Amino acid sequence: MSRVCELTGKKAMVGNNVSHAMNRTKRKFNANLVKKRFFIPEEDKWITLKVSTSALKNINKKGISAVIKEARAKGFLQK
């Protein structure tokens, strides 16, 4: 499975490693992803999601139900 956040759609970015001599080589900036289980009280079940740590902060702030509803509206979450 690819390294993409299931709630926000964040994925790897491409950039450069820059040496002291200003030589540039390509590199990847991967998203900071965590595999996490969440309990959804409305559906009375557990789900496992691969989410970015910034999405975890949103979940702590808004609640899992609201964040899942937004992700489904944006088309990120298919479950």
Protein backbone atom coordinates (compact mmCIF):
# COMPACT_ATOMS: atom_id res chain seq x y z
CA MET A 1 0.00 0.00 0.00
CA SER A 2 1.27 3.47 -0.83
CA ARG A 3 2.37 5.98 1.78
CA VAL A 4 -0.73 8.19 1.64
CA CYS A 5 -2.82 9.48 4.55
CA GLU A 6 -6.31 8.02 4.28
CA LEU A 7 -8.00 11.07 5.85
CA THR A 8 -6.13 14.06 4.39
CA GLY A 9 -4.60 12.63 1.21
CA LYS A 10 -1.08 13.73 2.18
CA LYS A 11 1.64 11.89 0.28
CA ALA A 12 5.36 12.05 -0.43
CA MET A 13 6.86 15.22 -1.92
CA VAL A 14 9.94 15.35 -4.15
CA GLY A 15 12.84 17.68 -3.49
CA ASN A 16 16.61 17.93 -3.56
CA ASN A 17 19.48 16.94 -1.29
CA VAL A 18 21.87 19.88 -1.46
CA SER A 19 25.50 19.24 -0.61
CA HIS A 20 27.96 21.82 0.69
CA ALA A 21 29.23 22.20 -2.89
CA MET A 22 25.61 22.89 -3.97
CA ASN A 23 25.34 19.57 -5.87
CA ARG A 24 21.69 18.56 -6.08
CA THR A 25 20.32 15.02 -6.09
CA LYS A 26 16.67 14.03 -5.95
CA ARG A 27 15.12 12.83 -2.68
CA LYS A 28 11.69 12.15 -1.19
CA PHE A 29 10.00 13.83 1.75
CA ASN A 30 7.65 11.11 3.03
CA ALA A 31 4.52 11.97 4.99
CA ASN A 32 4.72 11.22 8.71
CA LEU A 33 2.25 8.29 8.80
CA VAL A 34 1.03 6.16 11.69
CA LYS A 35 -1.15 3.05 11.58
CA LYS A 36 -3.89 3.60 14.20
CA ARG A 37 -7.11 1.93 15.35
CA PHE A 38 -10.15 4.09 16.06
CA PHE A 39 -13.48 3.22 17.67
CA ILE A 40 -16.50 4.72 15.94
CA PRO A 41 -19.39 4.84 18.44
CA GLU A 42 -22.09 5.56 15.80
CA GLU A 43 -21.26 2.35 13.93
CA ASP A 44 -20.14 0.51 17.10
CA LYS A 45 -16.99 -0.85 15.45
CA TRP A 46 -13.20 -0.43 15.25
CA ILE A 47 -11.42 0.66 12.07
CA THR A 48 -7.70 0.77 11.30
CA LEU A 49 -6.44 3.74 9.32
CA LYS A 50 -3.05 4.90 8.08
CA VAL A 51 -3.10 8.58 9.05
CA SER A 52 -0.61 11.44 9.19
CA THR A 53 0.26 12.93 12.55
CA SER A 54 -1.37 16.21 11.52
CA ALA A 55 -4.60 14.24 10.91
CA LEU A 56 -4.27 12.81 14.44
CA LYS A 57 -4.20 16.37 15.78
CA ASN A 58 -7.40 17.10 13.83
CA ILE A 59 -9.02 13.96 15.25
CA ASN A 60 -8.11 15.03 18.80
CA LYS A 61 -9.55 18.47 18.13
CA LYS A 62 -12.75 17.69 16.17
CA GLY A 63 -13.43 14.02 16.92
CA ILE A 64 -13.13 10.94 14.75
CA SER A 65 -16.71 11.09 13.42
CA ALA A 66 -16.40 14.65 12.10
CA VAL A 67 -13.01 14.00 10.47
CA ILE A 68 -14.25 10.82 8.78
CA LYS A 69 -17.32 12.68 7.50
CA GLU A 70 -15.08 15.39 5.97
CA ALA A 71 -12.75 12.79 4.41
CA ARG A 72 -15.67 10.96 2.80
CA ALA A 73 -17.02 14.26 1.43
CA LYS A 74 -13.61 15.05 -0.12
CA GLY A 75 -13.32 11.51 -1.52
CA PHE A 76 -10.25 10.39 0.47
CA LEU A 77 -11.86 7.65 2.55
CA GLN A 78 -13.59 4.82 0.68
CA LYS A 79 -14.39 2.54 3.65
